Amino acid sequence: MVNAQLGMNYELSQTLQRIQNQLAAMSTQPVLLHASTGQDGGQGLSTDKAGLHLFNPSGAEVVTLSTLDGSATLGNTTITGNLSVPNGSISNSALSAPVVPAAYHADIQNISITSGSNVEKLHYDVPVPAGYTQALVNLTVTMNMLNNSGAADSAFLGANINGTSPGWSSNATAAAGAEVSLNNTVVAQITGLTGGSTFPLSGKASSNTGTWAAAGTSSVMNLNATVLFLR
């Protein structure tokens, strides 16, 4: 209503002043604080002092952009284009180290072999790193033996991964007083591992008929393995 004494210009001036004051007040206020897109059931976008939040149709928060520490948290995400990130920027261990390679060696000397089933002569327990549940194993076992049994005889050598031998034993025949060299290579994939546990590797040997007595460095066995640990 126009004040008859002050006139229309005064009323207009007062109105403009109120608008100016309101705009000045709004300029210092967080106008988007607690704003949302208004969907029912917590869906859509909302903001608060912690940042920006995106909710899926079920009301579960799937994206958070934090104003507290500048971090971004994403739920299940589908990327339809290319994703480029700076080198060294991925810290998640499953992404930065999906595979861990390792190599192992063990050896023994002055062993003896006798007839019958292969008997373990060399053993190594492989430690499983934390966070890994599988291993691809390549194992080679070698053996040099002096046949001091007094007659021609055969020697047998097997390689064993985690309690099983994936293949046949190697064998070679030596005359009395002669030396023989054997090697056996096997591969296997082990699953169901737990970080901090171990699994065994071993070399096993035997003879066909006689006893080949321990002969120092003329009766030795070596175990060499490469292992790829997988998540």
C-alpha atoms as a PDB file:
ATOM      1  CA  MET A   1       0.000   0.000   0.000  1.00  0.00           C
ATOM      2  CA  VAL A   2       1.331   3.438  -0.950  1.00  0.00           C
ATOM      3  CA  ASN A   3       1.943   5.888   1.873  1.00  0.00           C
ATOM      4  CA  ALA A   4      -0.024   8.996   0.870  1.00  0.00           C
ATOM      5  CA  GLN A   5       2.357  11.333   2.611  1.00  0.00           C
ATOM      6  CA  LEU A   6       5.670   9.818   1.449  1.00  0.00           C
ATOM      7  CA  GLY A   7       4.512   8.825  -2.024  1.00  0.00           C
ATOM      8  CA  MET A   8       5.109   5.910  -4.343  1.00  0.00           C
ATOM      9  CA  ASN A   9       8.806   6.615  -4.830  1.00  0.00           C
ATOM     10  CA  TYR A  10       9.441   6.116  -1.139  1.00  0.00           C
ATOM     11  CA  GLU A  11       7.673   2.737  -1.102  1.00  0.00           C
ATOM     12  CA  LEU A  12       9.624   1.587  -4.140  1.00  0.00           C
ATOM     13  CA  SER A  13      12.862   2.698  -2.536  1.00  0.00           C
ATOM     14  CA  GLN A  14      12.048   0.765   0.625  1.00  0.00           C
ATOM     15  CA  THR A  15      11.186  -2.372  -1.341  1.00  0.00           C
ATOM     16  CA  LEU A  16      14.410  -2.245  -3.293  1.00  0.00           C
ATOM     17  CA  GLN A  17      16.356  -1.764  -0.058  1.00  0.00           C
ATOM     18  CA  ARG A  18      14.739  -4.864   1.484  1.00  0.00           C
ATOM     19  CA  ILE A  19      15.590  -6.912  -1.602  1.00  0.00           C
ATOM     20  CA  GLN A  20      19.154  -5.664  -1.500  1.00  0.00           C
ATOM     21  CA  ASN A  21      19.465  -6.577   2.182  1.00  0.00           C
ATOM     22  CA  GLN A  22      18.116 -10.069   1.532  1.00  0.00           C
ATOM     23  CA  LEU A  23      20.538 -10.640  -1.331  1.00  0.00           C
ATOM     24  CA  ALA A  24      23.430  -9.430   0.817  1.00  0.00           C
ATOM     25  CA  ALA A  25      22.431 -11.866   3.569  1.00  0.00           C
ATOM     26  CA  MET A  26      22.101 -14.775   1.137  1.00  0.00           C
ATOM     27  CA  SER A  27      25.558 -14.124  -0.296  1.00  0.00           C
ATOM     28  CA  THR A  28      27.150 -15.231   2.966  1.00  0.00           C
ATOM     29  CA  GLN A  29      24.902 -18.256   3.540  1.00  0.00           C
ATOM     30  CA  PRO A  30      25.502 -21.889   2.375  1.00  0.00           C
ATOM     31  CA  VAL A  31      22.398 -21.887   0.236  1.00  0.00           C
ATOM     32  CA  LEU A  32      22.902 -25.513  -0.914  1.00  0.00           C
ATOM     33  CA  LEU A  33      23.448 -26.862   2.595  1.00  0.00           C
ATOM     34  CA  HIS A  34      20.876 -29.634   3.190  1.00  0.00           C
ATOM     35  CA  ALA A  35      19.573 -29.234  -0.348  1.00  0.00           C
ATOM     36  CA  SER A  36      18.252 -32.295  -2.177  1.00  0.00           C
ATOM     37  CA  THR A  37      16.562 -33.280  -5.398  1.00  0.00           C
ATOM     38  CA  GLY A  38      13.500 -34.238  -3.372  1.00  0.00           C
ATOM     39  CA  GLN A  39      12.847 -37.855  -4.411  1.00  0.00           C
ATOM     40  CA  ASP A  40      10.984 -40.092  -2.005  1.00  0.00           C
ATOM     41  CA  GLY A  41      12.789 -42.722   0.034  1.00  0.00           C
ATOM     42  CA  GLY A  42      16.168 -40.978   0.161  1.00  0.00           C
ATOM     43  CA  GLN A  43      16.780 -41.288  -3.562  1.00  0.00           C
ATOM     44  CA  GLY A  44      18.693 -38.784  -5.699  1.00  0.00           C
ATOM     45  CA  LEU A  45      21.149 -36.109  -4.539  1.00  0.00           C
ATOM     46  CA  SER A  46      21.525 -34.418  -1.172  1.00  0.00           C
ATOM     47  CA  THR A  47      24.087 -32.207   0.533  1.00  0.00           C
ATOM     48  CA  ASP A  48      25.151 -31.570   4.111  1.00  0.00           C
ATOM     49  CA  LYS A  49      28.238 -30.360   5.954  1.00  0.00           C
ATOM     50  CA  ALA A  50      30.003 -33.627   5.105  1.00  0.00           C
ATOM     51  CA  GLY A  51      29.603 -33.197   1.351  1.00  0.00           C
ATOM     52  CA  LEU A  52      27.555 -34.408  -1.583  1.00  0.00           C
ATOM     53  CA  HIS A  53      25.666 -37.711  -1.458  1.00  0.00           C
ATOM     54  CA  LEU A  54      24.094 -39.746  -4.253  1.00  0.00           C
ATOM     55  CA  PHE A  55      21.521 -42.439  -3.470  1.00  0.00           C
ATOM     56  CA  ASN A  56      20.290 -45.216  -5.740  1.00  0.00           C
ATOM     57  CA  PRO A  57      16.586 -46.102  -6.263  1.00  0.00           C
ATOM     58  CA  SER A  58      16.743 -48.368  -3.191  1.00  0.00           C
ATOM     59  CA  GLY A  59      17.898 -45.490  -1.001  1.00  0.00           C
ATOM     60  CA  ALA A  60      21.453 -46.818  -0.564  1.00  0.00           C
ATOM     61  CA  GLU A  61      24.260 -44.277  -0.773  1.00  0.00           C
ATOM     62  CA  VAL A  62      26.451 -45.100  -3.782  1.00  0.00           C
ATOM     63  CA  VAL A  63      28.584 -41.950  -4.183  1.00  0.00           C
ATOM     64  CA  THR A  64      30.035 -39.630  -1.542  1.00  0.00           C
ATOM     65  CA  LEU A  65      32.093 -36.520  -2.271  1.00  0.00           C
ATOM     66  CA  SER A  66      33.510 -35.457   1.080  1.00  0.00           C
ATOM     67  CA  THR A  67      34.112 -31.840   1.980  1.00  0.00           C
ATOM     68  CA  LEU A  68      35.879 -32.996   5.139  1.00  0.00           C
ATOM     69  CA  ASP A  69      38.905 -34.609   3.512  1.00  0.00           C
ATOM     70  CA  GLY A  70      38.325 -34.208  -0.233  1.00  0.00           C
ATOM     71  CA  SER A  71      37.874 -37.937  -0.802  1.00  0.00           C
ATOM     72  CA  ALA A  72      35.448 -39.611  -3.165  1.00  0.00           C
ATOM     73  CA  THR A  73      33.769 -42.921  -2.348  1.00  0.00           C
ATOM     74  CA  LEU A  74      32.060 -44.902  -5.117  1.00  0.00           C
ATOM     75  CA  GLY A  75      29.837 -47.944  -4.874  1.00  0.00           C
ATOM     76  CA  ASN A  76      29.310 -50.357  -7.771  1.00  0.00           C
ATOM     77  CA  THR A  77      30.447 -48.388 -10.806  1.00  0.00           C
ATOM     78  CA  THR A  78      30.248 -49.060 -14.534  1.00  0.00           C
ATOM     79  CA  ILE A  79      32.692 -47.130 -16.715  1.00  0.00           C
ATOM     80  CA  THR A  80      31.708 -47.102 -20.368  1.00  0.00           C
ATOM     81  CA  GLY A  81      34.725 -45.110 -21.607  1.00  0.00           C
ATOM     82  CA  ASN A  82      38.446 -45.105 -20.926  1.00  0.00           C
ATOM     83  CA  LEU A  83      39.760 -44.669 -17.385  1.00  0.00           C
ATOM     84  CA  SER A  84      43.124 -42.927 -17.056  1.00  0.00           C
ATOM     85  CA  VAL A  85      44.870 -42.458 -13.718  1.00  0.00           C
ATOM     86  CA  PRO A  86      48.348 -41.141 -12.825  1.00  0.00           C
ATOM     87  CA  ASN A  87      51.078 -43.736 -12.362  1.00  0.00           C
ATOM     88  CA  GLY A  88      51.324 -44.875  -8.761  1.00  0.00           C
ATOM     89  CA  SER A  89      47.944 -43.415  -7.830  1.00  0.00           C
ATOM     90  CA  ILE A  90      46.208 -46.769  -7.229  1.00  0.00           C
ATOM     91  CA  SER A  91      46.729 -47.807  -3.616  1.00  0.00           C
ATOM     92  CA  ASN A  92      44.332 -50.728  -3.352  1.00  0.00           C
ATOM     93  CA  SER A  93      46.547 -53.800  -2.910  1.00  0.00           C
ATOM     94  CA  ALA A  94      44.347 -56.023  -5.086  1.00  0.00           C
ATOM     95  CA  LEU A  95      44.933 -53.625  -7.990  1.00  0.00           C
ATOM     96  CA  SER A  96      48.517 -52.582  -7.328  1.00  0.00           C
ATOM     97  CA  ALA A  97      49.801 -56.098  -6.564  1.00  0.00           C
ATOM     98  CA  PRO A  98      47.433 -58.726  -7.997  1.00  0.00           C
ATOM     99  CA  VAL A  99      50.337 -61.178  -8.413  1.00  0.00           C
ATOM    100  CA  VAL A 100      53.449 -61.718  -6.275  1.00  0.00           C
ATOM    101  CA  PRO A 101      56.332 -63.755  -7.755  1.00  0.00           C
ATOM    102  CA  ALA A 102      58.729 -65.689  -5.554  1.00  0.00           C
ATOM    103  CA  ALA A 103      61.596 -68.169  -5.948  1.00  0.00           C
ATOM    104  CA  TYR A 104      62.772 -70.814  -3.496  1.00  0.00           C
ATOM    105  CA  HIS A 105      65.737 -73.176  -3.180  1.00  0.00           C
ATOM    106  CA  ALA A 106      66.706 -75.966  -0.836  1.00  0.00           C
ATOM    107  CA  ASP A 107      69.365 -78.678  -1.017  1.00  0.00           C
ATOM    108  CA  ILE A 108      70.755 -81.587   0.927  1.00  0.00           C
ATOM    109  CA  GLN A 109      73.750 -83.902   0.644  1.00  0.00           C
ATOM    110  CA  ASN A 110      74.787 -87.303   1.951  1.00  0.00           C
ATOM    111  CA  ILE A 111      71.423 -88.959   1.320  1.00  0.00           C
ATOM    112  CA  SER A 112      70.727 -92.645   0.782  1.00  0.00           C
ATOM    113  CA  ILE A 113      68.005 -94.465  -1.143  1.00  0.00           C
ATOM    114  CA  THR A 114      66.492 -97.919  -0.840  1.00  0.00           C
ATOM    115  CA  SER A 115      64.023-100.024  -2.799  1.00  0.00           C
ATOM    116  CA  GLY A 116      60.282 -99.540  -2.446  1.00  0.00           C
ATOM    117  CA  SER A 117      58.101 -96.449  -2.710  1.00  0.00           C
ATOM    118  CA  ASN A 118      59.708 -93.045  -3.040  1.00  0.00           C
ATOM    119  CA  VAL A 119      60.676 -91.587   0.348  1.00  0.00           C
ATOM    120  CA  GLU A 120      60.947 -87.871   1.101  1.00  0.00           C
ATOM    121  CA  LYS A 121      64.564 -86.711   1.192  1.00  0.00           C
ATOM    122  CA  LEU A 122      64.163 -82.933   0.929  1.00  0.00           C
ATOM    123  CA  HIS A 123      61.391 -80.649   2.174  1.00  0.00           C
ATOM    124  CA  TYR A 124      60.599 -76.927   1.958  1.00  0.00           C
ATOM    125  CA  ASP A 125      57.608 -75.052   3.400  1.00  0.00           C
ATOM    126  CA  VAL A 126      56.542 -72.095   1.227  1.00  0.00           C
ATOM    127  CA  PRO A 127      55.068 -69.151   3.190  1.00  0.00           C
ATOM    128  CA  VAL A 128      51.860 -67.622   1.797  1.00  0.00           C
ATOM    129  CA  PRO A 129      51.796 -63.789   1.780  1.00  0.00           C
ATOM    130  CA  ALA A 130      48.869 -61.995   3.403  1.00  0.00           C
ATOM    131  CA  GLY A 131      45.920 -61.431   1.082  1.00  0.00           C
ATOM    132  CA  TYR A 132      46.677 -64.238  -1.374  1.00  0.00           C
ATOM    133  CA  THR A 133      44.578 -67.381  -1.804  1.00  0.00           C
ATOM    134  CA  GLN A 134      46.115 -69.185  -4.807  1.00  0.00           C
ATOM    135  CA  ALA A 135      49.536 -70.174  -6.104  1.00  0.00           C
ATOM    136  CA  LEU A 136      50.900 -71.317  -9.463  1.00  0.00           C
ATOM    137  CA  VAL A 137      53.887 -73.518  -8.695  1.00  0.00           C
ATOM    138  CA  ASN A 138      56.698 -74.748 -10.940  1.00  0.00           C
ATOM    139  CA  LEU A 139      58.948 -77.201  -9.095  1.00  0.00           C
ATOM    140  CA  THR A 140      62.145 -78.900 -10.276  1.00  0.00           C
ATOM    141  CA  VAL A 141      63.985 -81.458  -8.191  1.00  0.00           C
ATOM    142  CA  THR A 142      67.384 -82.838  -9.212  1.00  0.00           C
ATOM    143  CA  MET A 143      69.407 -85.688  -7.695  1.00  0.00           C
ATOM    144  CA  ASN A 144      72.931 -87.033  -8.201  1.00  0.00           C
ATOM    145  CA  MET A 145      73.616 -90.443  -6.701  1.00  0.00           C
ATOM    146  CA  LEU A 146      76.513 -92.889  -6.587  1.00  0.00           C
ATOM    147  CA  ASN A 147      75.418 -96.482  -7.058  1.00  0.00           C
ATOM    148  CA  ASN A 148      77.457 -98.163  -4.365  1.00  0.00           C
ATOM    149  CA  SER A 149      74.944-101.007  -3.946  1.00  0.00           C
ATOM    150  CA  GLY A 150      77.350-103.510  -5.541  1.00  0.00           C
ATOM    151  CA  ALA A 151      75.205-104.244  -8.622  1.00  0.00           C
ATOM    152  CA  ALA A 152      73.570-102.446 -11.527  1.00  0.00           C
ATOM    153  CA  ASP A 153      70.423-100.749 -10.313  1.00  0.00           C
ATOM    154  CA  SER A 154      67.930 -98.001 -11.099  1.00  0.00           C
ATOM    155  CA  ALA A 155      67.181 -94.834  -9.137  1.00  0.00           C
ATOM    156  CA  PHE A 156      63.821 -93.033  -9.059  1.00  0.00           C
ATOM    157  CA  LEU A 157      63.078 -89.364  -8.328  1.00  0.00           C
ATOM    158  CA  GLY A 158      59.726 -87.653  -7.735  1.00  0.00           C
ATOM    159  CA  ALA A 159      58.697 -84.029  -7.125  1.00  0.00           C
ATOM    160  CA  ASN A 160      55.819 -83.268  -4.789  1.00  0.00           C
ATOM    161  CA  ILE A 161      53.680 -80.095  -4.479  1.00  0.00           C
ATOM    162  CA  ASN A 162      51.375 -79.629  -1.501  1.00  0.00           C
ATOM    163  CA  GLY A 163      51.192 -83.322  -0.744  1.00  0.00           C
ATOM    164  CA  THR A 164      50.668 -84.628  -4.263  1.00  0.00           C
ATOM    165  CA  SER A 165      52.933 -85.656  -7.136  1.00  0.00           C
ATOM    166  CA  PRO A 166      51.432 -84.356 -10.408  1.00  0.00           C
ATOM    167  CA  GLY A 167      53.438 -86.724 -12.608  1.00  0.00           C
ATOM    168  CA  TRP A 168      55.505 -89.886 -12.927  1.00  0.00           C
ATOM    169  CA  SER A 169      58.869 -90.326 -11.256  1.00  0.00           C
ATOM    170  CA  SER A 170      62.025 -89.952 -13.313  1.00  0.00           C
ATOM    171  CA  ASN A 171      64.358 -92.952 -13.396  1.00  0.00           C
ATOM    172  CA  ALA A 172      67.834 -93.841 -14.620  1.00  0.00           C
ATOM    173  CA  THR A 173      70.031 -96.951 -14.428  1.00  0.00           C
ATOM    174  CA  ALA A 174      73.648 -96.980 -13.268  1.00  0.00           C
ATOM    175  CA  ALA A 175      76.241 -99.745 -13.251  1.00  0.00           C
ATOM    176  CA  ALA A 176      77.820-100.663  -9.941  1.00  0.00           C
ATOM    177  CA  GLY A 177      80.218 -97.858  -8.913  1.00  0.00           C
ATOM    178  CA  ALA A 178      78.776 -95.372 -11.431  1.00  0.00           C
ATOM    179  CA  GLU A 179      76.941 -92.146 -10.749  1.00  0.00           C
ATOM    180  CA  VAL A 180      73.554 -91.153 -12.101  1.00  0.00           C
ATOM    181  CA  SER A 181      71.817 -87.754 -12.447  1.00  0.00           C
ATOM    182  CA  LEU A 182      68.046 -87.312 -12.488  1.00  0.00           C
ATOM    183  CA  ASN A 183      65.630 -84.392 -12.624  1.00  0.00           C
ATOM    184  CA  ASN A 184      61.887 -84.104 -12.298  1.00  0.00           C
ATOM    185  CA  THR A 185      59.753 -81.019 -13.047  1.00  0.00           C
ATOM    186  CA  VAL A 186      56.090 -80.639 -12.117  1.00  0.00           C
ATOM    187  CA  VAL A 187      53.558 -77.806 -12.071  1.00  0.00           C
ATOM    188  CA  ALA A 188      50.358 -77.264 -10.099  1.00  0.00           C
ATOM    189  CA  GLN A 189      47.804 -74.632  -9.125  1.00  0.00           C
ATOM    190  CA  ILE A 190      46.919 -74.521  -5.433  1.00  0.00           C
ATOM    191  CA  THR A 191      43.694 -72.854  -4.244  1.00  0.00           C
ATOM    192  CA  GLY A 192      42.141 -72.156  -0.858  1.00  0.00           C
ATOM    193  CA  LEU A 193      45.326 -70.732   0.674  1.00  0.00           C
ATOM    194  CA  THR A 194      45.402 -68.382   3.648  1.00  0.00           C
ATOM    195  CA  GLY A 195      47.933 -65.635   4.255  1.00  0.00           C
ATOM    196  CA  GLY A 196      50.408 -66.614   6.969  1.00  0.00           C
ATOM    197  CA  SER A 197      50.059 -70.350   6.298  1.00  0.00           C
ATOM    198  CA  THR A 198      52.481 -72.557   4.343  1.00  0.00           C
ATOM    199  CA  PHE A 199      52.349 -75.340   1.794  1.00  0.00           C
ATOM    200  CA  PRO A 200      55.034 -78.027   1.318  1.00  0.00           C
ATOM    201  CA  LEU A 201      57.358 -78.828  -1.570  1.00  0.00           C
ATOM    202  CA  SER A 202      59.455 -81.973  -1.480  1.00  0.00           C
ATOM    203  CA  GLY A 203      61.750 -84.298  -3.353  1.00  0.00           C
ATOM    204  CA  LYS A 204      61.302 -88.054  -2.971  1.00  0.00           C
ATOM    205  CA  ALA A 205      63.544 -90.895  -4.138  1.00  0.00           C
ATOM    206  CA  SER A 206      64.066 -94.632  -4.113  1.00  0.00           C
ATOM    207  CA  SER A 207      65.998 -97.419  -5.833  1.00  0.00           C
ATOM    208  CA  ASN A 208      64.801-100.472  -7.698  1.00  0.00           C
ATOM    209  CA  THR A 209      66.469-103.293  -5.776  1.00  0.00           C
ATOM    210  CA  GLY A 210      69.489-102.347  -3.653  1.00  0.00           C
ATOM    211  CA  THR A 211      70.506 -99.782  -1.071  1.00  0.00           C
ATOM    212  CA  TRP A 212      72.575 -96.833  -2.274  1.00  0.00           C
ATOM    213  CA  ALA A 213      74.384 -95.667   0.825  1.00  0.00           C
ATOM    214  CA  ALA A 214      75.033 -92.013   1.598  1.00  0.00           C
ATOM    215  CA  ALA A 215      78.174 -90.858  -0.212  1.00  0.00           C
ATOM    216  CA  GLY A 216      78.724 -87.232   0.770  1.00  0.00           C
ATOM    217  CA  THR A 217      78.711 -84.867  -2.199  1.00  0.00           C
ATOM    218  CA  SER A 218      78.116 -87.824  -4.513  1.00  0.00           C
ATOM    219  CA  SER A 219      74.617 -88.207  -3.067  1.00  0.00           C
ATOM    220  CA  VAL A 220      72.835 -84.853  -3.247  1.00  0.00           C
ATOM    221  CA  MET A 221      69.418 -83.413  -4.022  1.00  0.00           C
ATOM    222  CA  ASN A 222      68.371 -79.887  -5.064  1.00  0.00           C
ATOM    223  CA  LEU A 223      64.920 -78.301  -4.998  1.00  0.00           C
ATOM    224  CA  ASN A 224      64.148 -75.168  -7.034  1.00  0.00           C
ATOM    225  CA  ALA A 225      60.710 -73.591  -7.309  1.00  0.00           C
ATOM    226  CA  THR A 226      59.086 -70.516  -8.786  1.00  0.00           C
ATOM    227  CA  VAL A 227      55.715 -69.477  -7.392  1.00  0.00           C
ATOM    228  CA  LEU A 228      53.155 -66.897  -8.521  1.00  0.00           C
ATOM    229  CA  PHE A 229      50.800 -65.968  -5.692  1.00  0.00           C
ATOM    230  CA  LEU A 230      47.328 -64.821  -6.800  1.00  0.00           C
ATOM    231  CA  ARG A 231      44.506 -63.044  -4.995  1.00  0.00           C
END
